[in-house]
N, C-alpha and C. Protein backbone atom coordinates (compact mmCIF):
# COMPACT_ATOMS: atom_id res chain seq x y z
N MET A 1 115.42 81.43 61.49
CA MET A 1 115.86 81.29 60.13
C MET A 1 117.34 81.65 60.08
N MET A 2 118.11 80.76 59.47
CA MET A 2 119.55 81.00 59.41
C MET A 2 119.98 80.98 57.96
N MET A 3 120.60 82.05 57.54
CA MET A 3 121.09 82.14 56.16
C MET A 3 122.56 82.51 56.23
N ARG A 4 123.40 81.66 55.67
CA ARG A 4 124.83 81.95 55.66
C ARG A 4 125.22 82.43 54.28
N THR A 5 126.17 83.35 54.24
CA THR A 5 126.57 83.94 52.97
C THR A 5 128.07 83.82 52.78
N ASN A 6 128.46 83.46 51.57
CA ASN A 6 129.87 83.40 51.20
C ASN A 6 130.08 84.33 50.02
N ASN A 7 131.09 85.16 50.08
CA ASN A 7 131.55 85.92 48.92
C ASN A 7 132.97 85.46 48.65
N PHE A 8 133.27 85.11 47.41
CA PHE A 8 134.60 84.62 47.09
C PHE A 8 135.32 85.63 46.22
N TYR A 9 136.57 85.88 46.57
CA TYR A 9 137.40 86.82 45.84
C TYR A 9 138.67 86.10 45.43
N GLY A 10 138.92 86.03 44.13
CA GLY A 10 140.12 85.36 43.63
C GLY A 10 140.02 83.87 43.88
N GLU A 11 141.15 83.22 44.05
CA GLU A 11 141.17 81.78 44.28
C GLU A 11 140.80 81.42 45.71
N GLY A 12 141.12 82.29 46.67
CA GLY A 12 140.76 82.03 48.06
C GLY A 12 139.36 82.51 48.33
N GLY A 13 138.86 82.24 49.50
CA GLY A 13 137.51 82.67 49.83
C GLY A 13 137.45 83.28 51.20
N VAL A 14 136.44 84.07 51.42
CA VAL A 14 136.20 84.69 52.71
C VAL A 14 134.78 84.37 53.11
N ARG A 15 134.58 83.81 54.29
CA ARG A 15 133.25 83.50 54.78
C ARG A 15 132.76 84.68 55.62
N LEU A 16 131.57 85.14 55.31
CA LEU A 16 130.95 86.22 56.05
C LEU A 16 129.73 85.68 56.78
N GLU A 17 129.73 85.73 58.09
CA GLU A 17 128.55 85.38 58.86
C GLU A 17 127.82 86.69 59.12
N LEU A 18 126.69 86.89 58.47
CA LEU A 18 125.98 88.15 58.55
C LEU A 18 125.00 88.16 59.72
N THR A 19 124.90 89.30 60.34
CA THR A 19 123.95 89.49 61.44
C THR A 19 122.96 90.57 61.02
N PRO A 20 121.85 90.73 61.74
CA PRO A 20 120.88 91.75 61.36
C PRO A 20 121.43 93.17 61.35
N SER A 21 122.55 93.44 62.03
CA SER A 21 123.09 94.80 62.07
C SER A 21 123.98 95.13 60.88
N THR A 22 124.23 94.17 59.98
CA THR A 22 125.06 94.41 58.81
C THR A 22 124.39 95.40 57.88
N THR A 23 125.17 96.34 57.33
CA THR A 23 124.59 97.37 56.46
C THR A 23 124.88 97.13 54.99
N SER A 24 125.49 96.02 54.64
CA SER A 24 125.77 95.71 53.24
C SER A 24 124.47 95.31 52.53
N PRO A 25 124.51 95.17 51.18
CA PRO A 25 123.31 94.75 50.47
C PRO A 25 122.80 93.39 50.92
N LEU A 26 123.65 92.59 51.56
CA LEU A 26 123.24 91.28 52.03
C LEU A 26 122.71 91.33 53.46
N ALA A 27 122.33 92.49 53.93
CA ALA A 27 121.83 92.64 55.29
C ALA A 27 120.57 91.80 55.49
N ILE A 28 120.42 91.31 56.70
CA ILE A 28 119.27 90.48 57.03
C ILE A 28 118.30 91.29 57.87
N ASP A 29 117.08 91.39 57.40
CA ASP A 29 116.01 92.04 58.14
C ASP A 29 115.21 90.92 58.80
N VAL A 30 115.19 90.89 60.14
CA VAL A 30 114.55 89.78 60.84
C VAL A 30 113.05 89.71 60.58
N THR A 31 112.43 90.80 60.15
CA THR A 31 110.99 90.78 59.86
C THR A 31 110.71 90.32 58.43
N GLU A 32 111.74 90.19 57.62
CA GLU A 32 111.59 89.80 56.22
C GLU A 32 111.40 88.29 56.11
N SER A 33 110.45 87.85 55.30
CA SER A 33 110.23 86.41 55.11
C SER A 33 111.37 85.82 54.27
N THR A 34 111.49 84.51 54.33
CA THR A 34 112.53 83.83 53.55
C THR A 34 112.35 84.11 52.06
N GLU A 35 111.11 84.04 51.57
CA GLU A 35 110.84 84.27 50.16
C GLU A 35 111.23 85.69 49.75
N MET A 36 110.89 86.67 50.59
CA MET A 36 111.22 88.06 50.29
C MET A 36 112.74 88.28 50.31
N ARG A 37 113.42 87.66 51.26
CA ARG A 37 114.87 87.79 51.36
C ARG A 37 115.54 87.20 50.12
N ILE A 38 115.08 86.03 49.70
CA ILE A 38 115.66 85.40 48.51
C ILE A 38 115.42 86.27 47.28
N GLN A 39 114.21 86.81 47.13
CA GLN A 39 113.91 87.69 46.00
C GLN A 39 114.79 88.94 46.03
N ARG A 40 115.00 89.50 47.23
CA ARG A 40 115.84 90.69 47.36
C ARG A 40 117.28 90.38 46.96
N LEU A 41 117.81 89.24 47.42
CA LEU A 41 119.18 88.86 47.09
C LEU A 41 119.34 88.63 45.59
N ILE A 42 118.33 88.04 44.96
CA ILE A 42 118.37 87.82 43.52
C ILE A 42 118.40 89.15 42.77
N SER A 43 117.59 90.09 43.22
CA SER A 43 117.51 91.38 42.52
C SER A 43 118.72 92.28 42.79
N GLU A 44 119.39 92.11 43.93
CA GLU A 44 120.52 92.98 44.29
C GLU A 44 121.87 92.49 43.79
N ASN A 45 121.95 91.23 43.36
CA ASN A 45 123.24 90.65 42.95
C ASN A 45 123.15 90.18 41.51
N PRO A 46 124.14 90.55 40.67
CA PRO A 46 124.08 90.14 39.27
C PRO A 46 124.17 88.63 39.08
N ILE A 47 124.95 87.97 39.93
CA ILE A 47 125.05 86.51 39.88
C ILE A 47 124.99 86.00 41.31
N VAL A 48 124.06 85.10 41.56
CA VAL A 48 123.94 84.52 42.90
C VAL A 48 123.65 83.03 42.76
N ILE A 49 124.32 82.25 43.60
CA ILE A 49 124.11 80.81 43.65
C ILE A 49 123.53 80.48 45.01
N PHE A 50 122.38 79.81 45.03
CA PHE A 50 121.80 79.32 46.28
C PHE A 50 122.14 77.85 46.36
N THR A 51 122.65 77.43 47.51
CA THR A 51 123.15 76.08 47.65
C THR A 51 122.97 75.56 49.06
N ARG A 52 123.20 74.28 49.20
CA ARG A 52 123.32 73.66 50.52
C ARG A 52 124.79 73.76 50.91
N SER A 53 125.09 73.64 52.19
CA SER A 53 126.50 73.66 52.58
C SER A 53 127.19 72.39 52.06
N SER A 54 128.44 72.52 51.70
CA SER A 54 129.27 71.42 51.20
C SER A 54 128.70 70.76 49.94
N CYS A 55 128.16 71.55 49.05
CA CYS A 55 127.58 71.02 47.81
C CYS A 55 128.67 70.98 46.74
N CYS A 56 128.99 69.79 46.23
CA CYS A 56 130.06 69.66 45.24
C CYS A 56 129.66 70.30 43.91
N MET A 57 128.37 70.28 43.57
CA MET A 57 127.94 70.90 42.32
C MET A 57 128.12 72.41 42.36
N CYS A 58 127.92 73.01 43.54
CA CYS A 58 128.14 74.45 43.70
C CYS A 58 129.62 74.76 43.49
N HIS A 59 130.49 73.89 44.00
CA HIS A 59 131.93 74.08 43.83
C HIS A 59 132.29 74.10 42.34
N VAL A 60 131.72 73.18 41.57
CA VAL A 60 131.99 73.12 40.13
C VAL A 60 131.45 74.37 39.44
N MET A 61 130.26 74.85 39.86
CA MET A 61 129.70 76.09 39.30
C MET A 61 130.65 77.26 39.54
N LYS A 62 131.16 77.36 40.77
CA LYS A 62 132.07 78.46 41.11
C LYS A 62 133.36 78.36 40.31
N LYS A 63 133.88 77.14 40.09
CA LYS A 63 135.10 76.96 39.31
C LYS A 63 134.88 77.38 37.86
N LEU A 64 133.74 77.01 37.28
CA LEU A 64 133.44 77.39 35.91
C LEU A 64 133.36 78.91 35.78
N LEU A 65 132.62 79.55 36.68
CA LEU A 65 132.47 81.00 36.62
C LEU A 65 133.80 81.71 36.89
N SER A 66 134.60 81.19 37.83
CA SER A 66 135.89 81.84 38.12
C SER A 66 136.85 81.69 36.95
N ALA A 67 136.74 80.59 36.18
CA ALA A 67 137.58 80.42 35.00
C ALA A 67 137.26 81.49 33.95
N ILE A 68 136.04 81.99 33.97
CA ILE A 68 135.63 83.06 33.06
C ILE A 68 136.01 84.42 33.63
N GLY A 69 136.28 84.47 34.93
CA GLY A 69 136.63 85.73 35.59
C GLY A 69 135.50 86.34 36.38
N VAL A 70 134.52 85.52 36.76
CA VAL A 70 133.35 85.98 37.49
C VAL A 70 133.30 85.27 38.84
N TYR A 71 133.02 86.04 39.89
CA TYR A 71 132.96 85.48 41.24
C TYR A 71 131.58 85.78 41.83
N PRO A 72 130.69 84.78 41.81
CA PRO A 72 129.31 85.01 42.22
C PRO A 72 129.15 85.12 43.73
N THR A 73 128.03 85.68 44.15
CA THR A 73 127.64 85.66 45.55
C THR A 73 127.05 84.28 45.80
N VAL A 74 127.49 83.61 46.85
CA VAL A 74 127.01 82.26 47.16
C VAL A 74 126.26 82.31 48.48
N ILE A 75 125.02 81.85 48.47
CA ILE A 75 124.17 81.84 49.65
C ILE A 75 123.89 80.40 50.02
N GLU A 76 124.29 80.01 51.23
CA GLU A 76 124.01 78.67 51.72
C GLU A 76 122.69 78.69 52.47
N LEU A 77 121.75 77.87 52.02
CA LEU A 77 120.43 77.81 52.63
C LEU A 77 120.30 76.58 53.51
N GLU A 78 119.50 76.70 54.54
CA GLU A 78 119.14 75.55 55.37
C GLU A 78 118.12 74.73 54.57
N GLU A 79 117.94 73.46 54.93
CA GLU A 79 117.03 72.59 54.20
C GLU A 79 115.62 73.17 54.09
N GLU A 80 115.10 73.73 55.18
CA GLU A 80 113.73 74.27 55.15
C GLU A 80 113.62 75.54 54.32
N GLU A 81 114.73 76.21 54.03
CA GLU A 81 114.71 77.44 53.23
C GLU A 81 114.76 77.17 51.73
N ILE A 82 115.23 76.00 51.34
CA ILE A 82 115.38 75.67 49.93
C ILE A 82 114.04 75.70 49.21
N SER A 83 112.97 75.33 49.90
CA SER A 83 111.65 75.33 49.27
C SER A 83 111.17 76.74 48.92
N ALA A 84 111.82 77.77 49.47
CA ALA A 84 111.44 79.16 49.18
C ALA A 84 112.06 79.68 47.89
N LEU A 85 112.93 78.89 47.24
CA LEU A 85 113.52 79.32 45.97
C LEU A 85 112.42 79.45 44.92
N PRO A 86 112.52 80.46 44.05
CA PRO A 86 111.51 80.62 42.99
C PRO A 86 111.47 79.38 42.10
N PRO A 87 110.30 79.09 41.53
CA PRO A 87 110.18 77.91 40.66
C PRO A 87 111.07 78.05 39.44
N SER A 88 111.48 76.91 38.92
CA SER A 88 112.35 76.90 37.75
C SER A 88 111.51 77.04 36.49
N SER A 89 112.19 77.41 35.43
CA SER A 89 111.52 77.55 34.14
C SER A 89 111.58 76.22 33.40
N ALA A 90 110.82 76.11 32.35
CA ALA A 90 110.80 74.88 31.57
C ALA A 90 112.12 74.63 30.85
N GLY A 91 113.02 75.62 30.82
CA GLY A 91 114.29 75.47 30.12
C GLY A 91 115.38 74.82 30.94
N ASP A 92 115.13 74.59 32.23
CA ASP A 92 116.16 73.98 33.07
C ASP A 92 116.40 72.54 32.64
N LEU A 93 117.65 72.22 32.34
CA LEU A 93 117.98 70.86 31.91
C LEU A 93 118.05 69.90 33.08
N ASP A 94 118.43 70.40 34.24
CA ASP A 94 118.71 69.52 35.35
C ASP A 94 117.71 69.64 36.48
N ASP A 95 116.61 70.33 36.28
CA ASP A 95 115.63 70.49 37.33
C ASP A 95 114.33 69.88 36.84
N HIS A 96 113.95 68.76 37.43
CA HIS A 96 112.78 68.02 36.98
C HIS A 96 111.51 68.47 37.69
N HIS A 97 111.60 69.51 38.51
CA HIS A 97 110.43 70.00 39.24
C HIS A 97 109.58 70.95 38.41
N HIS A 98 110.09 71.42 37.25
CA HIS A 98 109.37 72.45 36.51
C HIS A 98 108.03 71.98 35.95
N VAL A 99 107.85 70.67 35.80
CA VAL A 99 106.60 70.16 35.25
C VAL A 99 105.42 70.54 36.13
N ASN A 100 105.60 70.43 37.45
CA ASN A 100 104.52 70.75 38.38
C ASN A 100 104.64 72.15 38.96
N ASN A 101 105.58 72.95 38.45
CA ASN A 101 105.83 74.31 38.94
C ASN A 101 106.14 74.33 40.43
N ILE A 102 106.86 73.32 40.88
CA ILE A 102 107.29 73.23 42.27
C ILE A 102 108.59 74.01 42.40
N PRO A 103 108.80 74.73 43.50
CA PRO A 103 110.07 75.44 43.66
C PRO A 103 111.24 74.49 43.46
N GLY A 104 112.28 74.99 42.85
CA GLY A 104 113.42 74.17 42.48
C GLY A 104 114.29 73.75 43.64
N ASP A 105 115.24 72.93 43.32
CA ASP A 105 116.17 72.39 44.28
C ASP A 105 117.45 73.21 44.23
N ALA A 106 118.34 72.97 45.17
CA ALA A 106 119.63 73.66 45.19
C ALA A 106 120.68 72.68 44.69
N PRO A 107 121.74 73.12 44.05
CA PRO A 107 122.09 74.51 43.80
C PRO A 107 121.29 75.10 42.64
N ALA A 108 121.10 76.39 42.73
CA ALA A 108 120.40 77.13 41.68
C ALA A 108 121.15 78.43 41.44
N VAL A 109 121.46 78.71 40.19
CA VAL A 109 122.18 79.95 39.85
C VAL A 109 121.21 80.91 39.16
N PHE A 110 121.31 82.17 39.57
CA PHE A 110 120.50 83.25 38.99
C PHE A 110 121.46 84.26 38.39
N ILE A 111 121.25 84.61 37.13
CA ILE A 111 122.07 85.61 36.45
C ILE A 111 121.14 86.73 36.00
N GLY A 112 121.42 87.93 36.48
CA GLY A 112 120.60 89.08 36.11
C GLY A 112 119.15 88.94 36.55
N GLY A 113 118.92 88.28 37.67
CA GLY A 113 117.57 88.13 38.19
C GLY A 113 116.79 86.97 37.60
N THR A 114 117.38 86.25 36.65
CA THR A 114 116.70 85.14 35.99
C THR A 114 117.34 83.83 36.42
N ARG A 115 116.50 82.86 36.74
CA ARG A 115 117.02 81.55 37.12
C ARG A 115 117.55 80.83 35.88
N VAL A 116 118.83 80.47 35.95
CA VAL A 116 119.46 79.72 34.86
C VAL A 116 119.21 78.23 35.08
N GLY A 117 119.27 77.79 36.32
CA GLY A 117 119.07 76.39 36.66
C GLY A 117 120.19 75.90 37.55
N GLY A 118 120.49 74.63 37.42
CA GLY A 118 121.56 74.02 38.20
C GLY A 118 122.83 73.87 37.38
N LEU A 119 123.65 72.92 37.78
CA LEU A 119 124.96 72.74 37.14
C LEU A 119 124.83 72.38 35.66
N GLU A 120 123.95 71.42 35.32
CA GLU A 120 123.82 71.02 33.92
C GLU A 120 123.41 72.19 33.04
N SER A 121 122.48 72.99 33.52
CA SER A 121 122.02 74.14 32.73
C SER A 121 123.12 75.17 32.55
N LEU A 122 123.92 75.39 33.60
CA LEU A 122 125.01 76.36 33.51
C LEU A 122 126.07 75.88 32.52
N VAL A 123 126.44 74.61 32.58
CA VAL A 123 127.43 74.06 31.65
C VAL A 123 126.89 74.08 30.22
N ALA A 124 125.62 73.74 30.04
CA ALA A 124 125.02 73.77 28.69
C ALA A 124 125.02 75.19 28.14
N LEU A 125 124.72 76.16 28.98
CA LEU A 125 124.73 77.56 28.56
C LEU A 125 126.14 77.97 28.12
N HIS A 126 127.15 77.50 28.87
CA HIS A 126 128.54 77.82 28.54
C HIS A 126 128.96 77.15 27.22
N LEU A 127 128.64 75.87 27.08
CA LEU A 127 129.05 75.15 25.87
C LEU A 127 128.35 75.67 24.62
N SER A 128 127.14 76.19 24.78
CA SER A 128 126.42 76.74 23.63
C SER A 128 126.92 78.13 23.24
N GLY A 129 127.81 78.70 24.08
CA GLY A 129 128.35 80.02 23.79
C GLY A 129 127.46 81.16 24.23
N ARG A 130 126.42 80.87 25.03
CA ARG A 130 125.50 81.93 25.46
C ARG A 130 125.78 82.44 26.86
N LEU A 131 126.68 81.79 27.62
CA LEU A 131 126.94 82.23 29.00
C LEU A 131 127.69 83.56 29.03
N VAL A 132 128.79 83.67 28.30
CA VAL A 132 129.59 84.90 28.34
C VAL A 132 128.78 86.11 27.86
N PRO A 133 128.03 86.02 26.74
CA PRO A 133 127.21 87.17 26.36
C PRO A 133 126.19 87.56 27.43
N LYS A 134 125.65 86.56 28.12
CA LYS A 134 124.69 86.85 29.20
C LYS A 134 125.39 87.58 30.35
N LEU A 135 126.63 87.19 30.66
CA LEU A 135 127.40 87.84 31.71
C LEU A 135 127.77 89.27 31.30
N VAL A 136 128.07 89.47 30.03
CA VAL A 136 128.35 90.82 29.52
C VAL A 136 127.08 91.67 29.63
N GLU A 137 125.95 91.08 29.29
CA GLU A 137 124.66 91.78 29.32
C GLU A 137 124.32 92.30 30.72
N VAL A 138 124.62 91.51 31.76
CA VAL A 138 124.31 91.95 33.13
C VAL A 138 125.43 92.80 33.72
N GLY A 139 126.52 93.00 32.97
CA GLY A 139 127.58 93.90 33.41
C GLY A 139 128.63 93.31 34.31
N VAL A 140 128.71 92.00 34.38
CA VAL A 140 129.71 91.35 35.22
C VAL A 140 131.04 91.26 34.50
N ILE A 141 131.00 91.09 33.19
CA ILE A 141 132.20 91.07 32.35
C ILE A 141 132.11 92.28 31.43
N THR A 142 133.21 93.02 31.31
CA THR A 142 133.16 94.21 30.48
C THR A 142 133.75 93.99 29.09
N HIS A 143 134.63 93.02 28.94
CA HIS A 143 135.28 92.81 27.65
C HIS A 143 135.39 91.32 27.40
N VAL A 144 135.01 90.92 26.22
CA VAL A 144 135.15 89.53 25.82
C VAL A 144 136.33 89.44 24.87
N ARG A 145 137.29 88.59 25.20
CA ARG A 145 138.47 88.44 24.35
C ARG A 145 138.05 87.97 22.97
N GLY A 146 138.59 88.61 21.97
CA GLY A 146 138.29 88.22 20.60
C GLY A 146 137.03 88.86 20.05
N SER A 147 136.38 89.76 20.81
CA SER A 147 135.13 90.35 20.33
C SER A 147 135.36 91.64 19.54
N ARG A 148 136.58 92.15 19.52
CA ARG A 148 136.87 93.36 18.74
C ARG A 148 136.89 93.03 17.26
N ARG A 149 136.27 93.88 16.49
CA ARG A 149 136.26 93.67 15.04
C ARG A 149 137.02 94.81 14.38
N LYS A 150 137.73 94.48 13.33
CA LYS A 150 138.47 95.49 12.59
C LYS A 150 137.52 96.25 11.69
N LYS A 151 137.81 97.53 11.48
CA LYS A 151 136.95 98.36 10.65
C LYS A 151 137.04 97.94 9.19
N LYS A 152 138.24 97.62 8.73
CA LYS A 152 138.42 97.21 7.35
C LYS A 152 138.25 95.70 7.27
N LYS A 153 137.47 95.28 6.29
CA LYS A 153 137.29 93.85 6.12
C LYS A 153 138.47 93.30 5.33
N LYS A 154 139.07 92.28 5.87
CA LYS A 154 140.19 91.62 5.21
C LYS A 154 139.95 90.12 5.29
N LYS A 155 140.75 89.41 4.54
CA LYS A 155 140.70 87.97 4.66
C LYS A 155 141.12 87.59 6.06
N ARG A 156 140.57 86.48 6.55
CA ARG A 156 141.00 86.00 7.87
C ARG A 156 142.48 85.68 7.80
N ASN A 157 143.21 86.19 8.77
CA ASN A 157 144.63 85.87 8.78
C ASN A 157 144.88 84.72 9.75
N LEU A 158 146.09 84.23 9.75
CA LEU A 158 146.42 83.08 10.58
C LEU A 158 146.26 83.37 12.06
N GLN A 159 146.55 84.61 12.46
CA GLN A 159 146.44 84.94 13.88
C GLN A 159 144.99 84.81 14.36
N ASN A 160 144.01 85.30 13.61
CA ASN A 160 142.61 85.18 13.99
C ASN A 160 142.19 83.72 14.09
N ASN A 161 142.60 82.92 13.11
CA ASN A 161 142.27 81.50 13.14
C ASN A 161 142.90 80.83 14.35
N TRP A 162 144.12 81.22 14.67
CA TRP A 162 144.81 80.64 15.82
C TRP A 162 144.06 80.96 17.11
N TRP A 163 143.62 82.23 17.28
CA TRP A 163 142.90 82.61 18.50
C TRP A 163 141.57 81.87 18.61
N ALA A 164 140.88 81.72 17.51
CA ALA A 164 139.59 81.02 17.53
C ALA A 164 139.78 79.57 17.93
N ARG A 165 140.79 78.91 17.35
CA ARG A 165 141.05 77.52 17.71
C ARG A 165 141.46 77.40 19.17
N LYS A 166 142.29 78.34 19.63
CA LYS A 166 142.74 78.31 21.02
C LYS A 166 141.56 78.48 21.98
N GLU A 167 140.67 79.42 21.71
CA GLU A 167 139.51 79.65 22.57
C GLU A 167 138.60 78.43 22.60
N ARG A 168 138.33 77.83 21.45
CA ARG A 168 137.48 76.63 21.42
C ARG A 168 138.13 75.50 22.20
N ALA A 169 139.43 75.33 22.06
CA ALA A 169 140.13 74.27 22.79
C ALA A 169 140.07 74.50 24.29
N GLU A 170 140.25 75.76 24.72
CA GLU A 170 140.18 76.08 26.15
C GLU A 170 138.79 75.83 26.70
N GLN A 171 137.76 76.23 25.97
CA GLN A 171 136.39 76.02 26.42
C GLN A 171 136.08 74.53 26.52
N SER A 172 136.50 73.77 25.53
CA SER A 172 136.23 72.33 25.55
C SER A 172 136.94 71.66 26.72
N LYS A 173 138.21 72.01 26.94
CA LYS A 173 138.96 71.43 28.05
C LYS A 173 138.31 71.77 29.38
N ALA A 174 137.92 73.03 29.56
CA ALA A 174 137.30 73.47 30.82
C ALA A 174 135.98 72.75 31.04
N ALA A 175 135.17 72.63 30.01
CA ALA A 175 133.86 71.99 30.15
C ALA A 175 134.02 70.50 30.45
N VAL A 176 134.92 69.82 29.75
CA VAL A 176 135.15 68.40 29.99
C VAL A 176 135.68 68.19 31.40
N ALA A 177 136.62 69.03 31.82
CA ALA A 177 137.18 68.89 33.16
C ALA A 177 136.12 69.14 34.21
N LEU A 178 135.28 70.15 34.02
CA LEU A 178 134.25 70.47 35.01
C LEU A 178 133.18 69.39 35.06
N VAL A 179 132.72 68.94 33.91
CA VAL A 179 131.68 67.92 33.90
C VAL A 179 132.24 66.62 34.47
N GLY A 180 133.46 66.28 34.08
CA GLY A 180 134.10 65.08 34.62
C GLY A 180 134.31 65.18 36.11
N PHE A 181 134.71 66.35 36.60
CA PHE A 181 134.93 66.55 38.03
C PHE A 181 133.62 66.44 38.78
N GLY A 182 132.57 67.08 38.25
CA GLY A 182 131.28 67.07 38.93
C GLY A 182 130.69 65.67 38.97
N ALA A 183 130.78 64.93 37.86
CA ALA A 183 130.18 63.60 37.80
C ALA A 183 130.91 62.62 38.70
N SER A 184 132.22 62.75 38.84
CA SER A 184 132.96 61.80 39.65
C SER A 184 132.78 62.04 41.14
N ASN A 185 132.30 63.21 41.52
CA ASN A 185 132.14 63.52 42.93
C ASN A 185 130.69 63.51 43.38
N LEU A 186 129.77 63.07 42.55
CA LEU A 186 128.36 63.06 42.94
C LEU A 186 128.03 61.84 43.73
């Protein structure tokens, strides 16, 4: 069984080839089954993406998360290991295996131990405004810009309206660019 792990920091990346003697949380126990290893990695990492090597959808997922300021743990699985991924929930937009409760396909992102789904589900979560609160909930992001509220209630001033418009415009541009990038490279 071969499991490769990538951890990305900033814009560049560092590839880590892990061996059984590694003492990090991503250590490989040769007696551990693939299913148990995947479950352990999901529970030990706040955000983890399981993917095939050279997956363009995984690249788009990483770009979306890095634009928010989050750098997930990325695990590249061999073809025979992908079937060991936990089954998807009925809420996955892009995983059609949930009807028969068949283990999902890669790429699959897990946030806080819960399977979010693939690229479509991640983008939908972001566009609905539920991704950032979920990331705050699992402790990956500590502060959300614009989330501070003033103690005294006042009329909305121009500065608040400007920030709200700017944030919506940035989110829309990022989502359109990511979806367009992902669709053109499939």
